[in-house]
C-alpha atoms as a PDB file:
ATOM      1  CA  MET A   1      42.571 -34.477  20.897  1.00  0.00           C
ATOM      2  CA  PHE A   2      42.032 -31.834  18.161  1.00  0.00           C
ATOM      3  CA  ARG A   3      40.771 -32.751  14.685  1.00  0.00           C
ATOM      4  CA  THR A   4      42.699 -29.929  12.984  1.00  0.00           C
ATOM      5  CA  THR A   5      46.494 -30.000  13.186  1.00  0.00           C
ATOM      6  CA  VAL A   6      48.670 -26.901  13.278  1.00  0.00           C
ATOM      7  CA  ASN A   7      49.745 -27.544   9.662  1.00  0.00           C
ATOM      8  CA  ASP A   8      46.089 -27.441   8.501  1.00  0.00           C
ATOM      9  CA  VAL A   9      45.544 -23.827   9.658  1.00  0.00           C
ATOM     10  CA  SER A  10      46.759 -20.611   8.046  1.00  0.00           C
ATOM     11  CA  LEU A  11      46.852 -17.279   9.848  1.00  0.00           C
ATOM     12  CA  PHE A  12      45.299 -15.442   6.929  1.00  0.00           C
ATOM     13  CA  GLY A  13      43.312 -17.944   4.935  1.00  0.00           C
ATOM     14  CA  GLY A  14      41.451 -20.171   7.380  1.00  0.00           C
ATOM     15  CA  ARG A  15      41.616 -23.919   6.833  1.00  0.00           C
ATOM     16  CA  THR A  16      44.004 -25.170   4.178  1.00  0.00           C
ATOM     17  CA  ALA A  17      43.319 -28.896   4.481  1.00  0.00           C
ATOM     18  CA  ALA A  18      41.673 -30.549   1.534  1.00  0.00           C
ATOM     19  CA  GLY A  19      38.123 -31.483   2.169  1.00  0.00           C
ATOM     20  CA  PRO A  20      34.636 -30.453   1.266  1.00  0.00           C
ATOM     21  CA  LYS A  21      34.458 -26.697   0.822  1.00  0.00           C
ATOM     22  CA  PRO A  22      31.277 -24.846   1.462  1.00  0.00           C
ATOM     23  CA  SER A  23      29.599 -23.861  -1.770  1.00  0.00           C
ATOM     24  CA  PHE A  24      27.241 -21.013  -2.512  1.00  0.00           C
ATOM     25  CA  ARG A  25      23.858 -22.127  -3.703  1.00  0.00           C
ATOM     26  CA  PRO A  26      21.411 -19.266  -4.314  1.00  0.00           C
ATOM     27  CA  ALA A  27      17.911 -19.750  -3.046  1.00  0.00           C
ATOM     28  CA  VAL A  28      15.138 -19.803  -5.617  1.00  0.00           C
ATOM     29  CA  GLU A  29      12.617 -17.122  -4.842  1.00  0.00           C
ATOM     30  CA  ALA A  30       9.089 -17.090  -6.193  1.00  0.00           C
ATOM     31  CA  LEU A  31       8.387 -13.785  -7.913  1.00  0.00           C
ATOM     32  CA  GLU A  32       4.707 -14.334  -8.455  1.00  0.00           C
ATOM     33  CA  GLU A  33       3.416 -12.680  -5.298  1.00  0.00           C
ATOM     34  CA  ARG A  34       5.788 -11.170  -2.792  1.00  0.00           C
ATOM     35  CA  VAL A  35       4.716  -8.961   0.071  1.00  0.00           C
ATOM     36  CA  VAL A  36       6.042  -5.446   0.330  1.00  0.00           C
ATOM     37  CA  PRO A  37       9.187  -4.871   2.374  1.00  0.00           C
ATOM     38  CA  SER A  38       8.750  -5.217   6.124  1.00  0.00           C
ATOM     39  CA  SER A  39      10.231  -1.716   6.447  1.00  0.00           C
ATOM     40  CA  LEU A  40       6.715  -0.470   5.646  1.00  0.00           C
ATOM     41  CA  ASN A  41       5.216  -2.234   8.676  1.00  0.00           C
ATOM     42  CA  GLY A  42       3.998   0.077  11.404  1.00  0.00           C
ATOM     43  CA  LEU A  43       1.322   2.412  12.715  1.00  0.00           C
ATOM     44  CA  TYR A  44       0.290   5.195  10.339  1.00  0.00           C
ATOM     45  CA  LEU A  45      -1.716   8.409  10.650  1.00  0.00           C
ATOM     46  CA  LEU A  46      -4.012   9.388   7.773  1.00  0.00           C
ATOM     47  CA  THR A  47      -5.062  13.056   7.628  1.00  0.00           C
ATOM     48  CA  VAL A  48      -7.726  14.162   5.135  1.00  0.00           C
ATOM     49  CA  ALA A  49      -8.528  17.823   4.480  1.00  0.00           C
ATOM     50  CA  VAL A  50     -11.827  18.122   2.601  1.00  0.00           C
ATOM     51  CA  ALA A  51     -12.411  21.396   0.762  1.00  0.00           C
ATOM     52  CA  GLY A  52     -15.000  23.517   2.558  1.00  0.00           C
ATOM     53  CA  GLN A  53     -14.639  21.730   5.902  1.00  0.00           C
ATOM     54  CA  PRO A  54     -13.320  23.663   8.914  1.00  0.00           C
ATOM     55  CA  ALA A  55     -10.799  21.063  10.088  1.00  0.00           C
ATOM     56  CA  PRO A  56      -9.071  17.974   8.706  1.00  0.00           C
ATOM     57  CA  VAL A  57     -10.069  14.520   9.920  1.00  0.00           C
ATOM     58  CA  THR A  58      -7.604  11.851  11.014  1.00  0.00           C
ATOM     59  CA  THR A  59      -7.488   8.130  11.655  1.00  0.00           C
ATOM     60  CA  GLU A  60      -4.760   5.702  12.607  1.00  0.00           C
ATOM     61  CA  PHE A  61      -4.210   2.365  10.903  1.00  0.00           C
ATOM     62  CA  ARG A  62      -1.604  -0.377  10.943  1.00  0.00           C
ATOM     63  CA  VAL A  63       0.292  -1.955   8.033  1.00  0.00           C
ATOM     64  CA  ASN A  64       1.514  -5.487   8.695  1.00  0.00           C
ATOM     65  CA  HIS A  65       3.191  -7.415   5.851  1.00  0.00           C
ATOM     66  CA  GLY A  66       1.359  -5.286   3.284  1.00  0.00           C
ATOM     67  CA  VAL A  67      -2.097  -5.696   4.875  1.00  0.00           C
ATOM     68  CA  PHE A  68      -4.027  -2.657   6.129  1.00  0.00           C
ATOM     69  CA  ALA A  69      -7.544  -1.579   7.171  1.00  0.00           C
ATOM     70  CA  LEU A  70      -8.918   1.826   8.081  1.00  0.00           C
ATOM     71  CA  ASN A  71     -12.167   3.586   8.936  1.00  0.00           C
ATOM     72  CA  LEU A  72     -12.545   7.307   8.298  1.00  0.00           C
ATOM     73  CA  ASP A  73     -15.460   9.534   9.319  1.00  0.00           C
ATOM     74  CA  LEU A  74     -15.295  12.511   6.949  1.00  0.00           C
ATOM     75  CA  GLY A  75     -17.726  14.618   8.975  1.00  0.00           C
ATOM     76  CA  ILE A  76     -19.752  15.463   5.854  1.00  0.00           C
ATOM     77  CA  GLN A  77     -23.356  14.218   5.876  1.00  0.00           C
ATOM     78  CA  ASP A  78     -22.270  11.383   8.181  1.00  0.00           C
ATOM     79  CA  THR A  79     -19.974   9.994   5.478  1.00  0.00           C
ATOM     80  CA  THR A  80     -17.891   7.057   6.645  1.00  0.00           C
ATOM     81  CA  ILE A  81     -15.291   5.304   4.494  1.00  0.00           C
ATOM     82  CA  PHE A  82     -13.955   1.835   5.209  1.00  0.00           C
ATOM     83  CA  LEU A  83     -10.985   0.657   3.166  1.00  0.00           C
ATOM     84  CA  ASP A  84      -8.846  -2.410   3.541  1.00  0.00           C
ATOM     85  CA  GLY A  85      -6.346  -4.036   1.302  1.00  0.00           C
ATOM     86  CA  ARG A  86      -3.148  -5.873   0.651  1.00  0.00           C
ATOM     87  CA  VAL A  87      -0.124  -4.599  -1.213  1.00  0.00           C
ATOM     88  CA  THR A  88       2.060  -7.167  -2.964  1.00  0.00           C
ATOM     89  CA  LEU A  89       4.678  -7.095  -5.684  1.00  0.00           C
ATOM     90  CA  VAL A  90       3.739  -9.031  -8.813  1.00  0.00           C
ATOM     91  CA  GLU A  91       6.479  -9.213 -11.430  1.00  0.00           C
ATOM     92  CA  GLY A  92       8.164  -6.330  -9.596  1.00  0.00           C
ATOM     93  CA  THR A  93       5.087  -4.082  -9.865  1.00  0.00           C
ATOM     94  CA  PRO A  94       2.870  -3.043  -6.913  1.00  0.00           C
ATOM     95  CA  HIS A  95      -0.458  -4.852  -6.910  1.00  0.00           C
ATOM     96  CA  LEU A  96      -3.177  -3.591  -4.547  1.00  0.00           C
ATOM     97  CA  VAL A  97      -6.473  -5.332  -3.795  1.00  0.00           C
ATOM     98  CA  GLY A  98      -9.054  -4.957  -1.058  1.00  0.00           C
ATOM     99  CA  ASP A  99     -12.593  -4.054  -0.027  1.00  0.00           C
ATOM    100  CA  PHE A 100     -14.295  -0.691   0.390  1.00  0.00           C
ATOM    101  CA  SER A 101     -17.519   0.683   1.806  1.00  0.00           C
ATOM    102  CA  VAL A 102     -18.845   4.244   1.712  1.00  0.00           C
ATOM    103  CA  SER A 103     -21.973   5.173   3.612  1.00  0.00           C
ATOM    104  CA  ASN A 104     -23.698   8.481   4.378  1.00  0.00           C
ATOM    105  CA  GLN A 105     -27.126   9.897   5.023  1.00  0.00           C
ATOM    106  CA  LEU A 106     -27.810  10.241   1.256  1.00  0.00           C
ATOM    107  CA  PHE A 107     -27.278   6.547   0.515  1.00  0.00           C
ATOM    108  CA  THR A 108     -30.107   4.130   1.259  1.00  0.00           C
ATOM    109  CA  ILE A 109     -27.574   1.291   0.839  1.00  0.00           C
ATOM    110  CA  PRO A 110     -23.824   1.701   1.445  1.00  0.00           C
ATOM    111  CA  LEU A 111     -21.630   1.741  -1.651  1.00  0.00           C
ATOM    112  CA  THR A 112     -19.508  -1.403  -1.229  1.00  0.00           C
ATOM    113  CA  GLY A 113     -17.283  -3.646  -3.248  1.00  0.00           C
ATOM    114  CA  ARG A 114     -13.838  -4.988  -4.077  1.00  0.00           C
ATOM    115  CA  TRP A 115     -11.156  -2.762  -5.521  1.00  0.00           C
ATOM    116  CA  GLY A 116      -7.840  -3.420  -7.152  1.00  0.00           C
ATOM    117  CA  PHE A 117      -4.978  -1.694  -8.895  1.00  0.00           C
ATOM    118  CA  PHE A 118      -2.588  -3.612 -11.084  1.00  0.00           C
ATOM    119  CA  LYS A 119      -0.793  -3.271 -14.415  1.00  0.00           C
ATOM    120  CA  GLY A 120      -2.141   0.205 -15.126  1.00  0.00           C
ATOM    121  CA  SER A 121      -5.813  -0.570 -14.472  1.00  0.00           C
ATOM    122  CA  PHE A 122      -8.124   0.291 -11.600  1.00  0.00           C
ATOM    123  CA  HIS A 123     -10.833  -2.319 -10.958  1.00  0.00           C
ATOM    124  CA  VAL A 124     -14.051  -2.247  -8.927  1.00  0.00           C
ATOM    125  CA  ASN A 125     -15.981  -5.480  -8.442  1.00  0.00           C
ATOM    126  CA  GLY A 126     -13.945  -7.181 -11.154  1.00  0.00           C
ATOM    127  CA  GLU A 127     -14.631  -4.533 -13.802  1.00  0.00           C
ATOM    128  CA  ASP A 128     -11.898  -2.386 -15.334  1.00  0.00           C
ATOM    129  CA  VAL A 129     -13.217   1.086 -14.439  1.00  0.00           C
ATOM    130  CA  GLY A 130     -10.223   3.319 -14.945  1.00  0.00           C
ATOM    131  CA  THR A 131      -6.544   3.788 -15.407  1.00  0.00           C
ATOM    132  CA  GLY A 132      -3.610   4.076 -13.108  1.00  0.00           C
ATOM    133  CA  ILE A 133      -0.277   5.657 -13.903  1.00  0.00           C
ATOM    134  CA  LEU A 134       2.507   4.352 -11.702  1.00  0.00           C
ATOM    135  CA  THR A 135       6.104   5.490 -11.479  1.00  0.00           C
ATOM    136  CA  ALA A 136       8.706   4.830  -8.775  1.00  0.00           C
ATOM    137  CA  SER A 137       7.143   7.367  -6.408  1.00  0.00           C
ATOM    138  CA  HIS A 138       3.916   8.589  -8.030  1.00  0.00           C
ATOM    139  CA  LEU A 139       0.497   7.075  -8.645  1.00  0.00           C
ATOM    140  CA  GLU A 140      -2.541   8.586 -10.307  1.00  0.00           C
ATOM    141  CA  VAL A 141      -5.919   6.851 -10.610  1.00  0.00           C
ATOM    142  CA  ASN A 142      -8.731   8.093 -12.887  1.00  0.00           C
ATOM    143  CA  ALA A 143     -11.938   6.075 -12.692  1.00  0.00           C
ATOM    144  CA  SER A 144     -15.719   6.019 -12.776  1.00  0.00           C
ATOM    145  CA  PHE A 145     -18.025   3.221 -11.656  1.00  0.00           C
ATOM    146  CA  PRO A 146     -21.627   2.751 -10.458  1.00  0.00           C
ATOM    147  CA  GLY A 147     -22.240   5.307  -7.727  1.00  0.00           C
ATOM    148  CA  VAL A 148     -19.128   7.345  -8.541  1.00  0.00           C
ATOM    149  CA  SER A 149     -19.236   9.330 -11.765  1.00  0.00           C
ATOM    150  CA  ARG A 150     -15.649  10.547 -11.376  1.00  0.00           C
ATOM    151  CA  LEU A 151     -12.753   9.656  -9.101  1.00  0.00           C
ATOM    152  CA  VAL A 152      -9.275  11.133  -9.413  1.00  0.00           C
ATOM    153  CA  VAL A 153      -6.665  10.306  -6.785  1.00  0.00           C
ATOM    154  CA  ARG A 154      -3.032  11.368  -6.971  1.00  0.00           C
ATOM    155  CA  TRP A 155      -0.233  10.591  -4.574  1.00  0.00           C
ATOM    156  CA  GLU A 156       3.474  10.884  -4.069  1.00  0.00           C
ATOM    157  CA  LEU A 157       5.143   8.111  -2.081  1.00  0.00           C
ATOM    158  CA  LYS A 158       8.301   8.406   0.005  1.00  0.00           C
ATOM    159  CA  LEU A 159       9.930   5.150   1.100  1.00  0.00           C
ATOM    160  CA  HIS A 160      13.339   6.435   2.242  1.00  0.00           C
ATOM    161  CA  GLY A 161      13.560   7.406   5.906  1.00  0.00           C
ATOM    162  CA  VAL A 162      10.091   7.499   7.481  1.00  0.00           C
ATOM    163  CA  PRO A 163       7.578   6.066   4.962  1.00  0.00           C
ATOM    164  CA  SER A 164       4.957   8.630   3.998  1.00  0.00           C
ATOM    165  CA  ALA A 165       2.623   9.635   1.189  1.00  0.00           C
ATOM    166  CA  SER A 166       0.587  12.667   0.247  1.00  0.00           C
ATOM    167  CA  GLY A 167      -1.779  13.610  -2.507  1.00  0.00           C
ATOM    168  CA  THR A 168      -5.071  15.025  -3.669  1.00  0.00           C
ATOM    169  CA  PHE A 169      -8.492  13.600  -4.449  1.00  0.00           C
ATOM    170  CA  ASN A 170     -11.583  14.647  -6.369  1.00  0.00           C
ATOM    171  CA  ALA A 171     -14.711  12.503  -6.318  1.00  0.00           C
ATOM    172  CA  SER A 172     -18.273  13.054  -7.466  1.00  0.00           C
ATOM    173  CA  GLY A 173     -21.355  10.922  -7.659  1.00  0.00           C
ATOM    174  CA  LEU A 174     -24.861  10.378  -6.310  1.00  0.00           C
ATOM    175  CA  GLY A 175     -25.496  14.103  -6.136  1.00  0.00           C
ATOM    176  CA  SER A 176     -22.436  15.028  -4.107  1.00  0.00           C
ATOM    177  CA  GLN A 177     -18.871  16.111  -4.753  1.00  0.00           C
ATOM    178  CA  ALA A 178     -15.759  16.212  -2.566  1.00  0.00           C
ATOM    179  CA  SER A 179     -12.186  17.248  -3.135  1.00  0.00           C
ATOM    180  CA  GLY A 180      -9.186  17.947  -0.987  1.00  0.00           C
ATOM    181  CA  SER A 181      -5.818  16.656   0.067  1.00  0.00           C
ATOM    182  CA  TRP A 182      -4.482  13.885   2.278  1.00  0.00           C
ATOM    183  CA  THR A 183      -1.281  12.734   3.937  1.00  0.00           C
ATOM    184  CA  VAL A 184      -0.149   9.457   5.464  1.00  0.00           C
ATOM    185  CA  VAL A 185       2.885   9.214   7.708  1.00  0.00           C
ATOM    186  CA  ARG A 186       4.244   6.375   9.834  1.00  0.00           C
ATOM    187  CA  ILE A 187       4.099   7.363  13.498  1.00  0.00           C
ATOM    188  CA  ALA A 188       5.435   4.150  15.079  1.00  0.00           C
ATOM    189  CA  ALA A 189       7.192   1.008  13.931  1.00  0.00           C
END
Protein backbone atom coordinates (compact mmCIF):
# COMPACT_ATOMS: atom_id res chain seq x y z
CA MET A 1 0.00 0.00 0.00
CA PHE A 2 2.77 2.49 0.95
CA ARG A 3 6.10 2.61 -0.90
CA THR A 4 8.05 3.71 2.19
CA THR A 5 8.15 1.34 5.16
CA VAL A 6 8.35 2.47 8.77
CA ASN A 7 12.02 1.38 8.91
CA ASP A 8 12.88 3.72 5.99
CA VAL A 9 11.80 6.89 7.86
CA SER A 10 13.62 8.74 10.64
CA LEU A 11 11.95 11.28 12.89
CA PHE A 12 14.79 13.75 12.53
CA GLY A 13 16.53 13.02 9.27
CA GLY A 14 13.86 12.33 6.66
CA ARG A 15 14.29 9.27 4.46
CA THR A 16 17.09 6.89 5.36
CA ALA A 17 16.60 4.34 2.58
CA ALA A 18 19.35 4.10 0.02
CA GLY A 19 18.39 5.51 -3.30
CA PRO A 20 19.04 8.47 -5.50
CA LYS A 21 19.60 11.56 -3.39
CA PRO A 22 18.76 14.95 -4.72
CA SER A 23 21.88 16.83 -5.72
CA PHE A 24 22.52 20.54 -5.92
CA ARG A 25 23.39 21.74 -9.37
CA PRO A 26 23.90 25.52 -9.61
CA ALA A 27 22.33 27.24 -12.56
CA VAL A 28 24.67 28.94 -15.00
CA GLU A 29 23.78 32.58 -15.29
CA ALA A 30 24.84 34.79 -18.17
CA LEU A 31 26.61 37.87 -16.86
CA GLU A 32 26.83 39.69 -20.15
CA GLU A 33 23.63 41.72 -19.89
CA ARG A 34 21.38 41.41 -16.88
CA VAL A 35 18.52 43.75 -16.14
CA VAL A 36 18.49 45.73 -12.93
CA PRO A 37 16.73 44.22 -9.93
CA SER A 38 12.95 44.13 -10.16
CA SER A 39 12.87 46.00 -6.83
CA LEU A 40 13.42 49.14 -8.92
CA ASN A 41 10.22 48.59 -10.91
CA GLY A 42 7.48 51.10 -10.24
CA LEU A 43 6.04 54.55 -10.81
CA TYR A 44 8.42 57.44 -10.14
CA LEU A 45 8.05 61.20 -9.74
CA LEU A 46 10.76 63.44 -11.20
CA THR A 47 10.95 66.99 -9.81
CA VAL A 48 13.25 69.55 -11.46
CA ALA A 49 13.96 72.96 -9.92
CA VAL A 50 15.58 75.24 -12.50
CA ALA A 51 17.47 78.24 -11.13
CA GLY A 52 15.54 81.45 -11.73
CA GLN A 53 12.18 79.74 -12.24
CA PRO A 54 9.35 80.40 -9.77
CA ALA A 55 8.30 76.78 -9.26
CA PRO A 56 9.71 73.31 -9.89
CA VAL A 57 8.30 71.15 -12.68
CA THR A 58 7.33 67.51 -12.26
CA THR A 59 6.57 64.47 -14.38
CA GLU A 60 5.76 60.86 -13.62
CA PHE A 61 7.39 57.92 -15.36
CA ARG A 62 7.47 54.16 -14.97
CA VAL A 63 10.47 51.82 -14.68
CA ASN A 64 9.79 48.26 -15.81
CA HIS A 65 12.69 45.78 -15.91
CA GLY A 66 15.17 48.64 -16.28
CA VAL A 67 13.29 50.38 -19.12
CA PHE A 68 11.99 53.94 -18.68
CA ALA A 69 10.70 56.91 -20.71
CA LEU A 70 9.80 60.43 -19.65
CA ASN A 71 8.74 63.78 -21.07
CA LEU A 72 9.47 66.97 -19.16
CA ASP A 73 8.29 70.49 -20.02
CA LEU A 74 10.77 72.81 -18.28
CA GLY A 75 8.62 75.91 -18.74
CA ILE A 76 11.59 77.89 -20.09
CA GLN A 77 11.23 79.09 -23.69
CA ASP A 78 8.93 76.13 -24.36
CA THR A 79 11.76 73.69 -23.63
CA THR A 80 10.67 70.07 -23.67
CA ILE A 81 12.97 67.14 -22.87
CA PHE A 82 12.24 63.56 -23.86
CA LEU A 83 14.48 60.87 -22.41
CA ASP A 84 14.18 57.13 -22.56
CA GLY A 85 16.56 54.36 -21.77
CA ARG A 86 17.40 50.98 -20.42
CA VAL A 87 19.55 50.19 -17.41
CA THR A 88 21.39 46.86 -17.40
CA LEU A 89 24.31 45.39 -15.53
CA VAL A 90 27.29 44.49 -17.71
CA GLU A 91 30.11 42.74 -15.89
CA GLY A 92 28.52 43.96 -12.65
CA THR A 93 28.61 47.62 -13.73
CA PRO A 94 25.53 49.73 -14.59
CA HIS A 95 25.19 50.32 -18.32
CA LEU A 96 22.66 52.92 -19.50
CA VAL A 97 21.58 53.53 -23.09
CA GLY A 98 18.65 55.34 -24.67
CA ASP A 99 17.37 58.18 -26.82
CA PHE A 100 16.93 61.88 -26.08
CA SER A 101 15.30 64.90 -27.67
CA VAL A 102 15.41 68.53 -26.56
CA SER A 103 13.29 71.13 -28.30
CA ASN A 104 12.50 74.78 -27.58
CA GLN A 105 11.63 77.98 -29.37
CA LEU A 106 15.33 78.75 -30.02
CA PHE A 107 15.99 75.52 -31.91
CA THR A 108 14.93 75.31 -35.55
CA ILE A 109 15.46 71.52 -35.32
CA PRO A 110 15.18 69.55 -32.06
CA LEU A 111 18.44 68.32 -30.57
CA THR A 112 18.09 64.52 -30.77
CA GLY A 113 20.21 61.44 -30.55
CA ARG A 114 21.27 58.29 -28.72
CA TRP A 115 23.00 58.46 -25.37
CA GLY A 116 24.88 55.96 -23.30
CA PHE A 117 26.91 55.62 -20.14
CA PHE A 118 29.22 52.69 -19.61
CA LYS A 119 32.69 51.95 -18.27
CA GLY A 120 33.41 55.54 -17.28
CA SER A 121 32.43 57.15 -20.59
CA PHE A 122 29.41 59.17 -21.64
CA HIS A 123 28.46 58.74 -25.31
CA VAL A 124 26.18 60.71 -27.64
CA ASN A 125 25.42 59.31 -31.08
CA GLY A 126 28.23 56.78 -30.74
CA GLU A 127 30.91 59.36 -29.90
CA ASP A 128 32.73 59.43 -26.57
CA VAL A 129 31.85 62.97 -25.42
CA GLY A 130 32.67 62.93 -21.75
CA THR A 131 33.45 61.07 -18.60
CA GLY A 132 31.41 59.46 -15.91
CA ILE A 133 32.53 58.70 -12.39
CA LEU A 134 30.52 55.92 -10.79
CA THR A 135 30.63 54.63 -7.25
CA ALA A 136 28.13 52.46 -5.36
CA SER A 137 25.73 55.37 -4.85
CA HIS A 138 27.13 58.34 -6.79
CA LEU A 139 27.41 59.24 -10.46
CA GLU A 140 28.86 62.32 -12.08
CA VAL A 141 28.83 63.01 -15.83
CA ASN A 142 30.91 65.76 -17.49
CA ALA A 143 30.38 66.11 -21.23
CA SER A 144 30.16 68.36 -24.25
CA PHE A 145 28.76 67.52 -27.68
CA PRO A 146 27.25 69.32 -30.71
CA GLY A 147 24.57 71.65 -29.40
CA VAL A 148 25.71 71.40 -25.77
CA SER A 149 28.98 73.11 -24.93
CA ARG A 150 28.92 71.88 -21.33
CA LEU A 151 26.86 69.36 -19.39
CA VAL A 152 27.51 68.42 -15.77
CA VAL A 153 25.08 66.12 -13.99
CA ARG A 154 25.60 64.75 -10.49
CA TRP A 155 23.41 62.38 -8.55
CA GLU A 156 23.22 60.34 -5.40
CA LEU A 157 21.28 57.08 -5.60
CA LYS A 158 19.48 55.34 -2.75
CA LEU A 159 18.41 51.75 -3.35
CA HIS A 160 17.59 50.66 0.22
CA GLY A 161 13.99 51.22 1.30
CA VAL A 162 12.14 53.36 -1.25
CA PRO A 163 14.40 53.82 -4.32
CA SER A 164 15.23 57.47 -4.91
CA ALA A 165 17.87 59.75 -6.38
CA SER A 166 18.75 63.41 -6.23
CA GLY A 167 21.33 65.66 -7.76
CA THR A 168 22.27 68.82 -9.59
CA PHE A 169 22.71 69.79 -13.23
CA ASN A 170 24.41 72.54 -15.19
CA ALA A 171 24.03 72.75 -18.96
CA SER A 172 24.90 75.38 -21.54
CA GLY A 173 24.77 75.57 -25.28
CA LEU A 174 23.12 77.24 -28.26
CA GLY A 175 23.02 80.58 -26.48
CA SER A 176 21.28 79.40 -23.33
CA GLN A 177 22.25 78.10 -19.91
CA ALA A 178 20.33 76.24 -17.21
CA SER A 179 21.23 74.90 -13.81
CA GLY A 180 19.36 73.58 -10.83
CA SER A 181 18.54 70.48 -8.87
CA TRP A 182 16.35 67.42 -9.31
CA THR A 183 14.92 64.52 -7.34
CA VAL A 184 13.38 61.20 -8.31
CA VAL A 185 11.39 59.11 -5.87
CA ARG A 186 9.28 55.98 -6.34
CA ILE A 187 5.66 56.77 -5.54
CA ALA A 188 4.08 53.37 -6.31
CA ALA A 189 5.26 49.84 -6.93
